[in-house]
């Protein structure tokens, strides 16, 4: 089979590329490098099974051409800055929903019948059931979550119309090698700028679950190989959950830093943020998967990676 990965030079997408290449598959990376990095995929550039298309998913003509001969699409390109949706009401709609329809139309044009999609725990919003199961209703509190939920529905409908097989993955935050944004990155950057004081956007009490990237990739391929429904919707997360204060503490201990903490906000860090994120992964566990790394181990691996290349903070 031949695979195309939108956002294939990004944090998660590039790890999907690695796994497919390891399996000897033909892979096309489609990325505009707005957040993706050539550094993440350059080790494949001389492999005859690898092709890079520098392009935007909004470019329908190029997308249609690039999907010629493709059997399976990983649609992982997205706008992932949840905070910005409060001020900019267009970017999530365009970069998450419109581009998803573009991918679906290009699949239809080229007869592609398999899609895997990176959704998010944000579709559940401030869930009142923890861990939150897949049948919990959509109640997003951010335009990021709302457009991801809408994109899921578009995929569900196209798959139903045209008898495609679809895999929808609802992620908690991912951490690990090639991580370039999120709380670990933000706090480390703040410490570089001012090692005497660490500012936290919330009061430190929000509870967050995270997943180490290599565990997450293993989960994705477990689902693709073992899930038997036409449309397969799975939470990807961890049994553990840490508060923001605990995450900050691990970072400070690992860096041997001793700043005073300054709490800038209340229960959540920004409009649209969710206080308690913890997904129920029992459906996934029944397929034989469970995470190998604790959240703390994943945080430490992320710190080690970021410390190896200070240029990532520029």
C-alpha atoms as a PDB file:
ATOM      1  CA  UNK A   1       0.000   0.000   0.000  1.00  0.00           C
ATOM      2  CA  UNK A   2       1.016   3.579  -0.631  1.00  0.00           C
ATOM      3  CA  UNK A   3       0.451   6.174   2.089  1.00  0.00           C
ATOM      4  CA  UNK A   4       0.167   9.974   2.152  1.00  0.00           C
ATOM      5  CA  UNK A   5       0.566  11.861   5.418  1.00  0.00           C
ATOM      6  CA  UNK A   6      -0.635  15.449   5.619  1.00  0.00           C
ATOM      7  CA  UNK A   7       1.463  17.179   8.258  1.00  0.00           C
ATOM      8  CA  UNK A   8       4.024  14.415   7.788  1.00  0.00           C
ATOM      9  CA  UNK A   9       6.927  16.665   8.824  1.00  0.00           C
ATOM     10  CA  UNK A  10       5.270  17.543  12.116  1.00  0.00           C
ATOM     11  CA  UNK A  11       5.779  16.176  15.614  1.00  0.00           C
ATOM     12  CA  UNK A  12       3.378  13.232  15.407  1.00  0.00           C
ATOM     13  CA  UNK A  13       3.216  12.909  11.620  1.00  0.00           C
ATOM     14  CA  UNK A  14       6.956  12.402  11.274  1.00  0.00           C
ATOM     15  CA  UNK A  15       6.825   9.496  13.737  1.00  0.00           C
ATOM     16  CA  UNK A  16       4.068   7.929  11.622  1.00  0.00           C
ATOM     17  CA  UNK A  17       6.367   8.334   8.626  1.00  0.00           C
ATOM     18  CA  UNK A  18       9.187   6.597  10.511  1.00  0.00           C
ATOM     19  CA  UNK A  19       6.970   3.622  11.315  1.00  0.00           C
ATOM     20  CA  UNK A  20       5.691   3.274   7.752  1.00  0.00           C
ATOM     21  CA  UNK A  21       9.193   3.523   6.323  1.00  0.00           C
ATOM     22  CA  UNK A  22      10.400   0.906   8.807  1.00  0.00           C
ATOM     23  CA  UNK A  23       7.675  -1.369   7.437  1.00  0.00           C
ATOM     24  CA  UNK A  24       8.909  -0.858   3.888  1.00  0.00           C
ATOM     25  CA  UNK A  25       5.873   1.119   2.695  1.00  0.00           C
ATOM     26  CA  UNK A  26       5.771   3.794  -0.005  1.00  0.00           C
ATOM     27  CA  UNK A  27       5.252   7.133   1.724  1.00  0.00           C
ATOM     28  CA  UNK A  28       4.373  10.624   0.512  1.00  0.00           C
ATOM     29  CA  UNK A  29       4.789  13.451   3.040  1.00  0.00           C
ATOM     30  CA  UNK A  30       2.582  16.446   2.274  1.00  0.00           C
ATOM     31  CA  UNK A  31       3.503  19.467   4.398  1.00  0.00           C
ATOM     32  CA  UNK A  32       3.748  23.258   4.058  1.00  0.00           C
ATOM     33  CA  UNK A  33       6.340  23.483   6.897  1.00  0.00           C
ATOM     34  CA  UNK A  34       4.389  26.111   8.803  1.00  0.00           C
ATOM     35  CA  UNK A  35       5.143  24.086  11.938  1.00  0.00           C
ATOM     36  CA  UNK A  36       6.699  20.913  10.514  1.00  0.00           C
ATOM     37  CA  UNK A  37      10.467  20.648  10.145  1.00  0.00           C
ATOM     38  CA  UNK A  38      12.611  19.104   7.416  1.00  0.00           C
ATOM     39  CA  UNK A  39      14.913  18.009  10.238  1.00  0.00           C
ATOM     40  CA  UNK A  40      12.278  15.469  11.294  1.00  0.00           C
ATOM     41  CA  UNK A  41      12.144  13.664   7.939  1.00  0.00           C
ATOM     42  CA  UNK A  42      15.505  14.331   6.280  1.00  0.00           C
ATOM     43  CA  UNK A  43      16.857  10.879   7.215  1.00  0.00           C
ATOM     44  CA  UNK A  44      14.402   9.400   4.668  1.00  0.00           C
ATOM     45  CA  UNK A  45      15.186  11.681   1.730  1.00  0.00           C
ATOM     46  CA  UNK A  46      17.434   9.196  -0.117  1.00  0.00           C
ATOM     47  CA  UNK A  47      15.058   6.271   0.320  1.00  0.00           C
ATOM     48  CA  UNK A  48      13.314   5.447  -3.000  1.00  0.00           C
ATOM     49  CA  UNK A  49      10.097   4.712  -1.094  1.00  0.00           C
ATOM     50  CA  UNK A  50       9.965   8.273   0.233  1.00  0.00           C
ATOM     51  CA  UNK A  51       8.595  11.366  -1.506  1.00  0.00           C
ATOM     52  CA  UNK A  52       8.160  14.892  -0.161  1.00  0.00           C
ATOM     53  CA  UNK A  53       5.547  17.296  -1.503  1.00  0.00           C
ATOM     54  CA  UNK A  54       5.869  20.816  -0.156  1.00  0.00           C
ATOM     55  CA  UNK A  55       2.325  22.065  -0.332  1.00  0.00           C
ATOM     56  CA  UNK A  56      -0.631  23.452   1.562  1.00  0.00           C
ATOM     57  CA  UNK A  57      -3.737  21.338   2.114  1.00  0.00           C
ATOM     58  CA  UNK A  58      -5.710  24.397   0.986  1.00  0.00           C
ATOM     59  CA  UNK A  59      -4.222  23.902  -2.505  1.00  0.00           C
ATOM     60  CA  UNK A  60      -6.886  21.570  -3.876  1.00  0.00           C
ATOM     61  CA  UNK A  61      -5.238  21.044  -7.258  1.00  0.00           C
ATOM     62  CA  UNK A  62      -1.887  20.021  -5.793  1.00  0.00           C
ATOM     63  CA  UNK A  63      -3.614  17.854  -3.199  1.00  0.00           C
ATOM     64  CA  UNK A  64      -5.628  16.063  -5.885  1.00  0.00           C
ATOM     65  CA  UNK A  65      -2.477  15.371  -7.897  1.00  0.00           C
ATOM     66  CA  UNK A  66      -0.570  14.204  -4.837  1.00  0.00           C
ATOM     67  CA  UNK A  67      -3.223  11.621  -3.924  1.00  0.00           C
ATOM     68  CA  UNK A  68      -2.975   9.873  -7.288  1.00  0.00           C
ATOM     69  CA  UNK A  69      -2.109   6.224  -6.618  1.00  0.00           C
ATOM     70  CA  UNK A  70      -2.482   6.584  -2.832  1.00  0.00           C
ATOM     71  CA  UNK A  71      -4.234   3.815  -0.870  1.00  0.00           C
ATOM     72  CA  UNK A  72      -4.338   5.294   2.635  1.00  0.00           C
ATOM     73  CA  UNK A  73      -4.319   8.870   3.985  1.00  0.00           C
ATOM     74  CA  UNK A  74      -3.141   9.916   7.435  1.00  0.00           C
ATOM     75  CA  UNK A  75      -4.672  13.373   7.798  1.00  0.00           C
ATOM     76  CA  UNK A  76      -2.585  14.911  10.587  1.00  0.00           C
ATOM     77  CA  UNK A  77      -2.179  18.494   9.309  1.00  0.00           C
ATOM     78  CA  UNK A  78      -3.983  20.929  11.617  1.00  0.00           C
ATOM     79  CA  UNK A  79      -3.887  24.215  13.455  1.00  0.00           C
ATOM     80  CA  UNK A  80      -3.014  23.128  16.991  1.00  0.00           C
ATOM     81  CA  UNK A  81      -2.745  26.404  18.919  1.00  0.00           C
ATOM     82  CA  UNK A  82      -5.923  26.055  20.992  1.00  0.00           C
ATOM     83  CA  UNK A  83      -5.519  29.440  22.677  1.00  0.00           C
ATOM     84  CA  UNK A  84      -5.513  31.506  19.485  1.00  0.00           C
ATOM     85  CA  UNK A  85      -9.089  30.620  18.554  1.00  0.00           C
ATOM     86  CA  UNK A  86     -10.472  33.064  21.138  1.00  0.00           C
ATOM     87  CA  UNK A  87      -9.029  36.013  19.214  1.00  0.00           C
ATOM     88  CA  UNK A  88      -8.949  34.554  15.683  1.00  0.00           C
ATOM     89  CA  UNK A  89     -12.275  32.978  14.734  1.00  0.00           C
ATOM     90  CA  UNK A  90     -11.213  31.966  11.228  1.00  0.00           C
ATOM     91  CA  UNK A  91      -7.998  30.000  11.614  1.00  0.00           C
ATOM     92  CA  UNK A  92      -9.421  26.811  13.167  1.00  0.00           C
ATOM     93  CA  UNK A  93     -12.303  26.765  10.693  1.00  0.00           C
ATOM     94  CA  UNK A  94      -9.928  27.040   7.752  1.00  0.00           C
ATOM     95  CA  UNK A  95      -6.999  24.945   8.977  1.00  0.00           C
ATOM     96  CA  UNK A  96      -8.993  22.170  10.663  1.00  0.00           C
ATOM     97  CA  UNK A  97     -12.366  21.908   8.922  1.00  0.00           C
ATOM     98  CA  UNK A  98     -11.931  23.290   5.407  1.00  0.00           C
ATOM     99  CA  UNK A  99      -8.686  21.401   4.870  1.00  0.00           C
ATOM    100  CA  UNK A 100     -10.347  18.192   6.054  1.00  0.00           C
ATOM    101  CA  UNK A 101     -13.045  18.566   3.413  1.00  0.00           C
ATOM    102  CA  UNK A 102     -10.297  19.215   0.852  1.00  0.00           C
ATOM    103  CA  UNK A 103      -8.646  15.927   1.845  1.00  0.00           C
ATOM    104  CA  UNK A 104     -11.966  14.073   1.624  1.00  0.00           C
ATOM    105  CA  UNK A 105     -12.702  15.535  -1.817  1.00  0.00           C
ATOM    106  CA  UNK A 106      -9.214  14.607  -3.030  1.00  0.00           C
ATOM    107  CA  UNK A 107      -9.743  11.069  -1.721  1.00  0.00           C
ATOM    108  CA  UNK A 108     -13.037  10.854  -3.591  1.00  0.00           C
ATOM    109  CA  UNK A 109     -11.413  12.185  -6.763  1.00  0.00           C
ATOM    110  CA  UNK A 110      -8.685   9.535  -6.575  1.00  0.00           C
ATOM    111  CA  UNK A 111     -10.671   6.570  -5.278  1.00  0.00           C
ATOM    112  CA  UNK A 112      -8.846   6.419  -1.921  1.00  0.00           C
ATOM    113  CA  UNK A 113     -10.874   4.447   0.619  1.00  0.00           C
ATOM    114  CA  UNK A 114      -8.870   4.579   3.876  1.00  0.00           C
ATOM    115  CA  UNK A 115      -8.305   7.529   6.207  1.00  0.00           C
ATOM    116  CA  UNK A 116      -6.825   7.982   9.686  1.00  0.00           C
ATOM    117  CA  UNK A 117      -7.520  11.300  11.414  1.00  0.00           C
ATOM    118  CA  UNK A 118      -5.927  13.010  14.391  1.00  0.00           C
ATOM    119  CA  UNK A 119      -8.751  14.339  16.545  1.00  0.00           C
ATOM    120  CA  UNK A 120      -8.526  15.508  20.136  1.00  0.00           C
ATOM    121  CA  UNK A 121      -9.784  15.217  23.699  1.00  0.00           C
ATOM    122  CA  UNK A 122     -10.944  18.826  23.230  1.00  0.00           C
ATOM    123  CA  UNK A 123     -14.092  17.557  21.474  1.00  0.00           C
ATOM    124  CA  UNK A 124     -15.380  16.571  24.947  1.00  0.00           C
ATOM    125  CA  UNK A 125     -14.809  20.015  26.456  1.00  0.00           C
ATOM    126  CA  UNK A 126     -15.191  20.155  30.229  1.00  0.00           C
ATOM    127  CA  UNK A 127     -16.377  16.574  30.582  1.00  0.00           C
ATOM    128  CA  UNK A 128     -18.008  15.572  33.852  1.00  0.00           C
ATOM    129  CA  UNK A 129     -17.164  11.869  33.478  1.00  0.00           C
ATOM    130  CA  UNK A 130     -13.554  10.805  34.123  1.00  0.00           C
ATOM    131  CA  UNK A 131     -11.982   8.922  32.526  1.00  0.00           C
ATOM    132  CA  UNK A 132     -14.076  10.158  29.581  1.00  0.00           C
ATOM    133  CA  UNK A 133     -15.365   7.422  27.228  1.00  0.00           C
ATOM    134  CA  UNK A 134     -15.786   7.630  23.458  1.00  0.00           C
ATOM    135  CA  UNK A 135     -19.580   7.852  23.714  1.00  0.00           C
ATOM    136  CA  UNK A 136     -19.438  11.047  25.788  1.00  0.00           C
ATOM    137  CA  UNK A 137     -21.177  13.851  23.800  1.00  0.00           C
ATOM    138  CA  UNK A 138     -19.330  16.605  21.997  1.00  0.00           C
ATOM    139  CA  UNK A 139     -19.230  19.689  24.248  1.00  0.00           C
ATOM    140  CA  UNK A 140     -16.176  21.649  23.025  1.00  0.00           C
ATOM    141  CA  UNK A 141     -15.182  24.862  24.753  1.00  0.00           C
ATOM    142  CA  UNK A 142     -12.749  26.015  22.038  1.00  0.00           C
ATOM    143  CA  UNK A 143     -13.022  26.565  18.306  1.00  0.00           C
ATOM    144  CA  UNK A 144     -10.162  24.091  17.974  1.00  0.00           C
ATOM    145  CA  UNK A 145     -12.276  21.408  19.640  1.00  0.00           C
ATOM    146  CA  UNK A 146     -15.400  22.463  17.740  1.00  0.00           C
ATOM    147  CA  UNK A 147     -13.730  22.244  14.330  1.00  0.00           C
ATOM    148  CA  UNK A 148     -12.126  18.900  15.171  1.00  0.00           C
ATOM    149  CA  UNK A 149     -15.571  17.584  16.165  1.00  0.00           C
ATOM    150  CA  UNK A 150     -17.028  18.900  12.905  1.00  0.00           C
ATOM    151  CA  UNK A 151     -14.173  17.317  10.942  1.00  0.00           C
ATOM    152  CA  UNK A 152     -14.923  13.988  12.623  1.00  0.00           C
ATOM    153  CA  UNK A 153     -18.524  14.278  11.448  1.00  0.00           C
ATOM    154  CA  UNK A 154     -17.422  15.090   7.896  1.00  0.00           C
ATOM    155  CA  UNK A 155     -15.194  12.016   7.860  1.00  0.00           C
ATOM    156  CA  UNK A 156     -17.983   9.885   9.308  1.00  0.00           C
ATOM    157  CA  UNK A 157     -20.375  11.078   6.588  1.00  0.00           C
ATOM    158  CA  UNK A 158     -17.990  10.633   3.636  1.00  0.00           C
ATOM    159  CA  UNK A 159     -17.020   7.177   4.928  1.00  0.00           C
ATOM    160  CA  UNK A 160     -20.712   6.271   5.185  1.00  0.00           C
ATOM    161  CA  UNK A 161     -21.511   7.665   1.730  1.00  0.00           C
ATOM    162  CA  UNK A 162     -18.678   5.913  -0.097  1.00  0.00           C
ATOM    163  CA  UNK A 163     -18.002   2.821   2.025  1.00  0.00           C
ATOM    164  CA  UNK A 164     -14.564   3.961   3.166  1.00  0.00           C
ATOM    165  CA  UNK A 165     -12.757   2.678   6.225  1.00  0.00           C
ATOM    166  CA  UNK A 166     -11.992   5.413   8.741  1.00  0.00           C
ATOM    167  CA  UNK A 167      -9.945   5.607  11.929  1.00  0.00           C
ATOM    168  CA  UNK A 168     -10.531   8.582  14.215  1.00  0.00           C
ATOM    169  CA  UNK A 169      -8.084   9.039  17.076  1.00  0.00           C
ATOM    170  CA  UNK A 170      -8.957  11.330  19.975  1.00  0.00           C
ATOM    171  CA  UNK A 171      -5.635  12.324  21.515  1.00  0.00           C
ATOM    172  CA  UNK A 172      -4.579  13.703  24.856  1.00  0.00           C
ATOM    173  CA  UNK A 173      -1.422  15.843  24.655  1.00  0.00           C
ATOM    174  CA  UNK A 174       1.543  13.982  23.160  1.00  0.00           C
ATOM    175  CA  UNK A 175       5.069  14.377  24.469  1.00  0.00           C
ATOM    176  CA  UNK A 176       8.485  13.072  23.487  1.00  0.00           C
ATOM    177  CA  UNK A 177      11.074  13.479  20.764  1.00  0.00           C
ATOM    178  CA  UNK A 178      10.295  16.238  18.175  1.00  0.00           C
ATOM    179  CA  UNK A 179       7.849  17.922  20.560  1.00  0.00           C
ATOM    180  CA  UNK A 180       7.887  21.632  19.713  1.00  0.00           C
ATOM    181  CA  UNK A 181       4.950  23.246  21.533  1.00  0.00           C
ATOM    182  CA  UNK A 182       2.969  22.780  24.721  1.00  0.00           C
ATOM    183  CA  UNK A 183       3.458  23.167  28.452  1.00  0.00           C
ATOM    184  CA  UNK A 184       6.927  21.537  28.682  1.00  0.00           C
ATOM    185  CA  UNK A 185       8.263  23.658  25.820  1.00  0.00           C
ATOM    186  CA  UNK A 186       6.639  26.827  27.182  1.00  0.00           C
ATOM    187  CA  UNK A 187       7.952  26.377  30.730  1.00  0.00           C
ATOM    188  CA  UNK A 188      11.469  25.514  29.596  1.00  0.00           C
ATOM    189  CA  UNK A 189      11.525  28.579  27.355  1.00  0.00           C
ATOM    190  CA  UNK A 190      10.351  30.779  30.244  1.00  0.00           C
ATOM    191  CA  UNK A 191      13.103  29.382  32.464  1.00  0.00           C
ATOM    192  CA  UNK A 192      15.698  30.173  29.814  1.00  0.00           C
ATOM    193  CA  UNK A 193      14.453  33.749  29.701  1.00  0.00           C
ATOM    194  CA  UNK A 194      14.131  34.157  33.478  1.00  0.00           C
ATOM    195  CA  UNK A 195      15.538  31.354  35.674  1.00  0.00           C
ATOM    196  CA  UNK A 196      14.467  33.131  38.866  1.00  0.00           C
ATOM    197  CA  UNK A 197      10.713  33.069  38.284  1.00  0.00           C
ATOM    198  CA  UNK A 198       8.368  30.630  36.557  1.00  0.00           C
ATOM    199  CA  UNK A 199       5.003  31.981  35.456  1.00  0.00           C
ATOM    200  CA  UNK A 200       2.105  29.523  35.175  1.00  0.00           C
ATOM    201  CA  UNK A 201      -0.996  30.556  33.240  1.00  0.00           C
ATOM    202  CA  UNK A 202      -3.341  28.820  35.716  1.00  0.00           C
ATOM    203  CA  UNK A 203      -3.328  28.296  39.484  1.00  0.00           C
ATOM    204  CA  UNK A 204      -1.460  25.011  38.984  1.00  0.00           C
ATOM    205  CA  UNK A 205      -4.428  22.743  39.735  1.00  0.00           C
ATOM    206  CA  UNK A 206      -5.636  21.745  36.220  1.00  0.00           C
ATOM    207  CA  UNK A 207      -5.274  18.004  35.665  1.00  0.00           C
ATOM    208  CA  UNK A 208      -3.812  16.776  32.378  1.00  0.00           C
ATOM    209  CA  UNK A 209      -3.063  13.364  30.927  1.00  0.00           C
ATOM    210  CA  UNK A 210      -0.268  12.938  28.373  1.00  0.00           C
ATOM    211  CA  UNK A 211       1.019  10.192  26.100  1.00  0.00           C
ATOM    212  CA  UNK A 212       4.594   9.463  25.059  1.00  0.00           C
ATOM    213  CA  UNK A 213       4.847   9.656  21.275  1.00  0.00           C
ATOM    214  CA  UNK A 214       6.229   6.163  20.657  1.00  0.00           C
ATOM    215  CA  UNK A 215       3.479   4.646  22.778  1.00  0.00           C
ATOM    216  CA  UNK A 216       0.963   6.684  20.796  1.00  0.00           C
ATOM    217  CA  UNK A 217       2.287   5.520  17.434  1.00  0.00           C
ATOM    218  CA  UNK A 218       2.114   1.917  18.625  1.00  0.00           C
ATOM    219  CA  UNK A 219      -1.506   2.538  19.656  1.00  0.00           C
ATOM    220  CA  UNK A 220      -2.377   3.948  16.221  1.00  0.00           C
ATOM    221  CA  UNK A 221      -1.020   0.952  14.350  1.00  0.00           C
ATOM    222  CA  UNK A 222      -2.620  -1.458  16.823  1.00  0.00           C
ATOM    223  CA  UNK A 223      -5.994   0.101  16.021  1.00  0.00           C
ATOM    224  CA  UNK A 224      -5.427   0.048  12.253  1.00  0.00           C
ATOM    225  CA  UNK A 225      -4.362  -3.585  12.369  1.00  0.00           C
ATOM    226  CA  UNK A 226      -6.998  -4.890  14.781  1.00  0.00           C
ATOM    227  CA  UNK A 227     -10.112  -2.675  14.748  1.00  0.00           C
ATOM    228  CA  UNK A 228     -12.826  -4.232  12.612  1.00  0.00           C
ATOM    229  CA  UNK A 229     -15.553  -1.603  12.265  1.00  0.00           C
ATOM    230  CA  UNK A 230     -16.003   0.475   9.138  1.00  0.00           C
ATOM    231  CA  UNK A 231     -15.627   3.654  11.213  1.00  0.00           C
ATOM    232  CA  UNK A 232     -13.391   3.227  14.242  1.00  0.00           C
ATOM    233  CA  UNK A 233     -13.290   5.906  16.946  1.00  0.00           C
ATOM    234  CA  UNK A 234     -10.760   5.470  19.738  1.00  0.00           C
ATOM    235  CA  UNK A 235      -9.418   7.500  22.647  1.00  0.00           C
ATOM    236  CA  UNK A 236      -5.624   7.541  22.918  1.00  0.00           C
ATOM    237  CA  UNK A 237      -4.427   8.432  26.386  1.00  0.00           C
ATOM    238  CA  UNK A 238      -2.877   7.260  29.622  1.00  0.00           C
ATOM    239  CA  UNK A 239      -4.191   5.815  32.875  1.00  0.00           C
ATOM    240  CA  UNK A 240      -2.243   8.517  34.726  1.00  0.00           C
ATOM    241  CA  UNK A 241      -3.025  12.192  35.156  1.00  0.00           C
ATOM    242  CA  UNK A 242      -0.850  14.994  36.604  1.00  0.00           C
ATOM    243  CA  UNK A 243      -1.645  18.513  37.743  1.00  0.00           C
ATOM    244  CA  UNK A 244       0.081  21.453  36.080  1.00  0.00           C
ATOM    245  CA  UNK A 245       1.994  21.955  39.338  1.00  0.00           C
ATOM    246  CA  UNK A 246       3.232  18.349  39.221  1.00  0.00           C
ATOM    247  CA  UNK A 247       4.331  18.727  35.596  1.00  0.00           C
ATOM    248  CA  UNK A 248       6.183  21.938  36.473  1.00  0.00           C
ATOM    249  CA  UNK A 249       7.794  20.178  39.446  1.00  0.00           C
ATOM    250  CA  UNK A 250       9.154  17.376  37.271  1.00  0.00           C
ATOM    251  CA  UNK A 251      10.612  19.939  34.852  1.00  0.00           C
ATOM    252  CA  UNK A 252      12.227  21.930  37.662  1.00  0.00           C
ATOM    253  CA  UNK A 253      13.684  18.810  39.274  1.00  0.00           C
ATOM    254  CA  UNK A 254      15.071  17.551  35.976  1.00  0.00           C
ATOM    255  CA  UNK A 255      16.662  20.930  35.192  1.00  0.00           C
ATOM    256  CA  UNK A 256      17.776  21.427  38.805  1.00  0.00           C
ATOM    257  CA  UNK A 257      16.088  24.826  38.732  1.00  0.00           C
ATOM    258  CA  UNK A 258      14.718  26.661  41.774  1.00  0.00           C
ATOM    259  CA  UNK A 259      12.615  29.634  40.675  1.00  0.00           C
ATOM    260  CA  UNK A 260       9.670  31.051  42.559  1.00  0.00           C
ATOM    261  CA  UNK A 261       6.351  30.152  40.932  1.00  0.00           C
ATOM    262  CA  UNK A 262       3.954  32.879  39.921  1.00  0.00           C
ATOM    263  CA  UNK A 263       0.343  31.890  39.200  1.00  0.00           C
ATOM    264  CA  UNK A 264      -1.249  34.165  36.615  1.00  0.00           C
ATOM    265  CA  UNK A 265      -4.694  32.616  36.321  1.00  0.00           C
ATOM    266  CA  UNK A 266      -7.426  30.698  38.053  1.00  0.00           C
ATOM    267  CA  UNK A 267      -8.936  27.292  37.398  1.00  0.00           C
ATOM    268  CA  UNK A 268      -7.844  27.210  33.742  1.00  0.00           C
ATOM    269  CA  UNK A 269      -5.053  28.896  31.851  1.00  0.00           C
ATOM    270  CA  UNK A 270      -7.033  30.510  29.016  1.00  0.00           C
ATOM    271  CA  UNK A 271     -10.492  30.761  27.469  1.00  0.00           C
ATOM    272  CA  UNK A 272     -11.296  27.363  25.987  1.00  0.00           C
ATOM    273  CA  UNK A 273      -8.840  25.397  28.110  1.00  0.00           C
ATOM    274  CA  UNK A 274     -10.196  22.354  29.940  1.00  0.00           C
ATOM    275  CA  UNK A 275      -9.554  21.791  33.634  1.00  0.00           C
ATOM    276  CA  UNK A 276      -9.524  17.974  33.729  1.00  0.00           C
ATOM    277  CA  UNK A 277      -8.405  15.884  30.735  1.00  0.00           C
ATOM    278  CA  UNK A 278      -8.376  12.136  31.280  1.00  0.00           C
ATOM    279  CA  UNK A 279      -9.595   9.737  28.593  1.00  0.00           C
ATOM    280  CA  UNK A 280     -11.000   6.239  29.016  1.00  0.00           C
ATOM    281  CA  UNK A 281      -8.825   3.881  26.930  1.00  0.00           C
ATOM    282  CA  UNK A 282     -10.515   0.584  27.749  1.00  0.00           C
ATOM    283  CA  UNK A 283     -11.637   0.063  24.138  1.00  0.00           C
ATOM    284  CA  UNK A 284      -8.032   0.417  23.023  1.00  0.00           C
ATOM    285  CA  UNK A 285      -6.742  -1.741  25.871  1.00  0.00           C
ATOM    286  CA  UNK A 286      -8.998  -4.581  24.670  1.00  0.00           C
ATOM    287  CA  UNK A 287      -6.974  -4.634  21.428  1.00  0.00           C
ATOM    288  CA  UNK A 288      -3.894  -5.509  23.491  1.00  0.00           C
ATOM    289  CA  UNK A 289      -2.285  -2.071  23.875  1.00  0.00           C
ATOM    290  CA  UNK A 290      -1.168  -0.220  26.962  1.00  0.00           C
ATOM    291  CA  UNK A 291       1.436   2.548  27.404  1.00  0.00           C
ATOM    292  CA  UNK A 292       4.972   1.485  28.227  1.00  0.00           C
ATOM    293  CA  UNK A 293       6.178   4.864  29.557  1.00  0.00           C
ATOM    294  CA  UNK A 294       4.790   6.731  32.552  1.00  0.00           C
ATOM    295  CA  UNK A 295       3.910  10.384  32.033  1.00  0.00           C
ATOM    296  CA  UNK A 296       6.910  11.375  34.140  1.00  0.00           C
ATOM    297  CA  UNK A 297       9.220   9.262  31.957  1.00  0.00           C
ATOM    298  CA  UNK A 298       7.719  10.881  28.864  1.00  0.00           C
ATOM    299  CA  UNK A 299       8.296  14.366  30.299  1.00  0.00           C
ATOM    300  CA  UNK A 300      11.934  13.523  31.052  1.00  0.00           C
ATOM    301  CA  UNK A 301      12.469  12.191  27.517  1.00  0.00           C
ATOM    302  CA  UNK A 302      10.948  15.391  26.156  1.00  0.00           C
ATOM    303  CA  UNK A 303      13.263  17.538  28.281  1.00  0.00           C
ATOM    304  CA  UNK A 304      16.296  15.505  27.174  1.00  0.00           C
ATOM    305  CA  UNK A 305      15.318  16.029  23.538  1.00  0.00           C
ATOM    306  CA  UNK A 306      14.799  19.774  23.911  1.00  0.00           C
ATOM    307  CA  UNK A 307      18.057  20.176  25.830  1.00  0.00           C
ATOM    308  CA  UNK A 308      20.005  18.530  22.998  1.00  0.00           C
ATOM    309  CA  UNK A 309      19.087  21.281  20.519  1.00  0.00           C
ATOM    310  CA  UNK A 310      18.689  24.807  21.982  1.00  0.00           C
ATOM    311  CA  UNK A 311      17.845  26.098  18.488  1.00  0.00           C
ATOM    312  CA  UNK A 312      14.383  24.571  18.853  1.00  0.00           C
ATOM    313  CA  UNK A 313      13.509  27.424  21.228  1.00  0.00           C
ATOM    314  CA  UNK A 314      14.229  30.083  18.615  1.00  0.00           C
END
